[in-house]
Amino acid sequence: MNHPRPLNTPSHAAIAARAYELWQRRGCPQDSAEQDWFEAEAQLRREAAAQVVAVQVAPLPALTPVTAPAQAQAAPKRARRTRATTAAAMTAAPATAAVAPSTTGTRVRRKRPAQPDA
């Protein structure tokens, strides 16, 4: 059954290859398999940890500022509606409209629609 390994754990094959390399460098002594195995595993773990740290502290590429197109930057601001502008617009409305201007000219009152008899 295969179990997932933690990220910094070297594979069995990698440890075996490194242990064999260490054993050969030491002159192929007898009864040193466990020592070579543990040393190979420790070396590979240190190398994996160093790579993880190097990736985490690697500098980010320089970001270039993104500018909006000239048309989008020069877009005019929308005028804010006020009571006075609304009243002026209602004064110019046709006579059939359901909205009538107020007597003061600053507030607009809307007529209620006729309610049918129930």
C-alpha atoms as a PDB file:
ATOM      1  CA  MET A   1       0.000   0.000   0.000  1.00  0.00           C
ATOM      2  CA  ASN A   2       1.455   3.363  -1.034  1.00  0.00           C
ATOM      3  CA  HIS A   3       1.256   6.130   1.519  1.00  0.00           C
ATOM      4  CA  PRO A   4       1.884   9.756   0.556  1.00  0.00           C
ATOM      5  CA  ARG A   5       5.230  11.095   1.719  1.00  0.00           C
ATOM      6  CA  PRO A   6       5.740  14.529   3.262  1.00  0.00           C
ATOM      7  CA  LEU A   7       7.272  17.027   0.844  1.00  0.00           C
ATOM      8  CA  ASN A   8      10.736  17.053   2.400  1.00  0.00           C
ATOM      9  CA  THR A   9      10.989  13.228   2.666  1.00  0.00           C
ATOM     10  CA  PRO A  10      13.281  11.727   0.029  1.00  0.00           C
ATOM     11  CA  SER A  11      12.166   8.614  -1.862  1.00  0.00           C
ATOM     12  CA  HIS A  12      13.487   5.139  -1.101  1.00  0.00           C
ATOM     13  CA  ALA A  13      15.303   5.035  -4.441  1.00  0.00           C
ATOM     14  CA  ALA A  14      16.984   8.400  -3.848  1.00  0.00           C
ATOM     15  CA  ILE A  15      18.178   7.342  -0.392  1.00  0.00           C
ATOM     16  CA  ALA A  16      19.462   4.017  -1.745  1.00  0.00           C
ATOM     17  CA  ALA A  17      21.396   5.732  -4.541  1.00  0.00           C
ATOM     18  CA  ARG A  18      22.960   8.255  -2.148  1.00  0.00           C
ATOM     19  CA  ALA A  19      23.794   5.543   0.429  1.00  0.00           C
ATOM     20  CA  TYR A  20      25.505   3.465  -2.274  1.00  0.00           C
ATOM     21  CA  GLU A  21      27.494   6.523  -3.346  1.00  0.00           C
ATOM     22  CA  LEU A  22      28.568   7.199   0.263  1.00  0.00           C
ATOM     23  CA  TRP A  23      29.486   3.530   0.765  1.00  0.00           C
ATOM     24  CA  GLN A  24      31.670   3.602  -2.356  1.00  0.00           C
ATOM     25  CA  ARG A  25      33.415   6.833  -1.275  1.00  0.00           C
ATOM     26  CA  ARG A  26      34.229   5.260   2.079  1.00  0.00           C
ATOM     27  CA  GLY A  27      35.942   2.313   0.373  1.00  0.00           C
ATOM     28  CA  CYS A  28      33.093  -0.241   0.524  1.00  0.00           C
ATOM     29  CA  PRO A  29      33.514  -1.247   4.205  1.00  0.00           C
ATOM     30  CA  GLN A  30      31.564  -4.193   5.632  1.00  0.00           C
ATOM     31  CA  ASP A  31      28.657  -3.662   8.064  1.00  0.00           C
ATOM     32  CA  SER A  32      28.174   0.057   7.349  1.00  0.00           C
ATOM     33  CA  ALA A  33      24.859  -0.152   5.459  1.00  0.00           C
ATOM     34  CA  GLU A  34      22.745   1.441   8.206  1.00  0.00           C
ATOM     35  CA  GLN A  35      25.243   4.221   8.816  1.00  0.00           C
ATOM     36  CA  ASP A  36      25.374   5.040   5.084  1.00  0.00           C
ATOM     37  CA  TRP A  37      21.583   4.834   4.817  1.00  0.00           C
ATOM     38  CA  PHE A  38      20.955   7.252   7.703  1.00  0.00           C
ATOM     39  CA  GLU A  39      23.621   9.658   6.476  1.00  0.00           C
ATOM     40  CA  ALA A  40      22.164   9.611   2.936  1.00  0.00           C
ATOM     41  CA  GLU A  41      18.653  10.233   4.282  1.00  0.00           C
ATOM     42  CA  ALA A  42      19.874  13.140   6.438  1.00  0.00           C
ATOM     43  CA  GLN A  43      21.740  14.731   3.517  1.00  0.00           C
ATOM     44  CA  LEU A  44      18.728  14.475   1.196  1.00  0.00           C
ATOM     45  CA  ARG A  45      16.393  15.948   3.845  1.00  0.00           C
ATOM     46  CA  ARG A  46      18.750  18.903   4.383  1.00  0.00           C
ATOM     47  CA  GLU A  47      18.959  19.482   0.624  1.00  0.00           C
ATOM     48  CA  ALA A  48      15.159  19.341   0.270  1.00  0.00           C
ATOM     49  CA  ALA A  49      14.695  21.762   3.191  1.00  0.00           C
ATOM     50  CA  ALA A  50      17.229  24.168   1.676  1.00  0.00           C
ATOM     51  CA  GLN A  51      15.347  24.117  -1.630  1.00  0.00           C
ATOM     52  CA  VAL A  52      12.043  24.850   0.111  1.00  0.00           C
ATOM     53  CA  VAL A  53      13.585  27.782   1.976  1.00  0.00           C
ATOM     54  CA  ALA A  54      15.180  29.079  -1.227  1.00  0.00           C
ATOM     55  CA  VAL A  55      11.811  28.989  -2.987  1.00  0.00           C
ATOM     56  CA  GLN A  56      10.072  30.763  -0.092  1.00  0.00           C
ATOM     57  CA  VAL A  57      12.588  33.616   0.074  1.00  0.00           C
ATOM     58  CA  ALA A  58      13.125  34.030  -3.650  1.00  0.00           C
ATOM     59  CA  PRO A  59      12.535  37.653  -4.690  1.00  0.00           C
ATOM     60  CA  LEU A  60       9.408  38.393  -6.643  1.00  0.00           C
ATOM     61  CA  PRO A  61       9.755  39.831 -10.126  1.00  0.00           C
ATOM     62  CA  ALA A  62       9.298  43.586 -10.383  1.00  0.00           C
ATOM     63  CA  LEU A  63       5.723  44.584 -11.014  1.00  0.00           C
ATOM     64  CA  THR A  64       4.959  47.072 -13.730  1.00  0.00           C
ATOM     65  CA  PRO A  65       2.127  49.506 -13.034  1.00  0.00           C
ATOM     66  CA  VAL A  66      -0.947  49.062 -15.141  1.00  0.00           C
ATOM     67  CA  THR A  67      -2.465  52.266 -16.458  1.00  0.00           C
ATOM     68  CA  ALA A  68      -5.992  52.658 -17.699  1.00  0.00           C
ATOM     69  CA  PRO A  69      -6.612  53.796 -21.284  1.00  0.00           C
ATOM     70  CA  ALA A  70      -6.722  57.573 -21.810  1.00  0.00           C
ATOM     71  CA  GLN A  71     -10.463  57.534 -22.530  1.00  0.00           C
ATOM     72  CA  ALA A  72     -11.275  55.823 -19.244  1.00  0.00           C
ATOM     73  CA  GLN A  73      -9.180  58.299 -17.266  1.00  0.00           C
ATOM     74  CA  ALA A  74     -10.847  61.332 -18.847  1.00  0.00           C
ATOM     75  CA  ALA A  75     -14.419  60.160 -18.294  1.00  0.00           C
ATOM     76  CA  PRO A  76     -16.578  63.056 -17.066  1.00  0.00           C
ATOM     77  CA  LYS A  77     -18.224  62.811 -13.691  1.00  0.00           C
ATOM     78  CA  ARG A  78     -21.940  62.279 -13.704  1.00  0.00           C
ATOM     79  CA  ALA A  79     -23.923  65.298 -12.554  1.00  0.00           C
ATOM     80  CA  ARG A  80     -25.721  64.815  -9.287  1.00  0.00           C
ATOM     81  CA  ARG A  81     -29.480  65.223  -9.337  1.00  0.00           C
ATOM     82  CA  THR A  82     -30.827  67.801  -6.947  1.00  0.00           C
ATOM     83  CA  ARG A  83     -34.334  68.859  -6.102  1.00  0.00           C
ATOM     84  CA  ALA A  84     -33.957  72.040  -8.108  1.00  0.00           C
ATOM     85  CA  THR A  85     -32.882  70.244 -11.268  1.00  0.00           C
ATOM     86  CA  THR A  86     -35.687  67.716 -10.831  1.00  0.00           C
ATOM     87  CA  ALA A  87     -38.265  70.482 -10.402  1.00  0.00           C
ATOM     88  CA  ALA A  88     -36.941  72.257 -13.483  1.00  0.00           C
ATOM     89  CA  ALA A  89     -37.187  69.049 -15.500  1.00  0.00           C
ATOM     90  CA  MET A  90     -40.746  68.481 -14.291  1.00  0.00           C
ATOM     91  CA  THR A  91     -41.770  71.985 -15.288  1.00  0.00           C
ATOM     92  CA  ALA A  92     -40.828  71.201 -18.870  1.00  0.00           C
ATOM     93  CA  ALA A  93     -42.789  67.913 -18.823  1.00  0.00           C
ATOM     94  CA  PRO A  94     -45.826  67.593 -21.129  1.00  0.00           C
ATOM     95  CA  ALA A  95     -49.295  68.199 -19.667  1.00  0.00           C
ATOM     96  CA  THR A  96     -50.212  64.510 -19.905  1.00  0.00           C
ATOM     97  CA  ALA A  97     -47.508  63.456 -17.480  1.00  0.00           C
ATOM     98  CA  ALA A  98     -48.515  61.998 -14.116  1.00  0.00           C
ATOM     99  CA  VAL A  99     -46.119  64.381 -12.352  1.00  0.00           C
ATOM    100  CA  ALA A 100     -46.878  67.993 -11.577  1.00  0.00           C
ATOM    101  CA  PRO A 101     -44.465  70.644 -10.302  1.00  0.00           C
ATOM    102  CA  SER A 102     -44.912  71.865  -6.751  1.00  0.00           C
ATOM    103  CA  THR A 103     -45.969  75.395  -5.953  1.00  0.00           C
ATOM    104  CA  THR A 104     -42.614  76.279  -4.370  1.00  0.00           C
ATOM    105  CA  GLY A 105     -40.516  74.984  -7.246  1.00  0.00           C
ATOM    106  CA  THR A 106     -38.082  73.104  -4.979  1.00  0.00           C
ATOM    107  CA  ARG A 107     -39.983  69.888  -4.293  1.00  0.00           C
ATOM    108  CA  VAL A 108     -41.724  67.612  -6.703  1.00  0.00           C
ATOM    109  CA  ARG A 109     -44.902  65.826  -5.758  1.00  0.00           C
ATOM    110  CA  ARG A 110     -46.181  62.975  -7.782  1.00  0.00           C
ATOM    111  CA  LYS A 111     -49.845  62.393  -8.338  1.00  0.00           C
ATOM    112  CA  ARG A 112     -51.180  59.116  -7.124  1.00  0.00           C
ATOM    113  CA  PRO A 113     -52.784  56.982  -9.798  1.00  0.00           C
ATOM    114  CA  ALA A 114     -56.538  56.709  -9.606  1.00  0.00           C
ATOM    115  CA  GLN A 115     -57.628  53.693  -7.600  1.00  0.00           C
ATOM    116  CA  PRO A 116     -60.423  51.603  -9.034  1.00  0.00           C
ATOM    117  CA  ASP A 117     -63.460  51.091  -6.804  1.00  0.00           C
ATOM    118  CA  ALA A 118     -63.322  47.810  -5.018  1.00  0.00           C
END
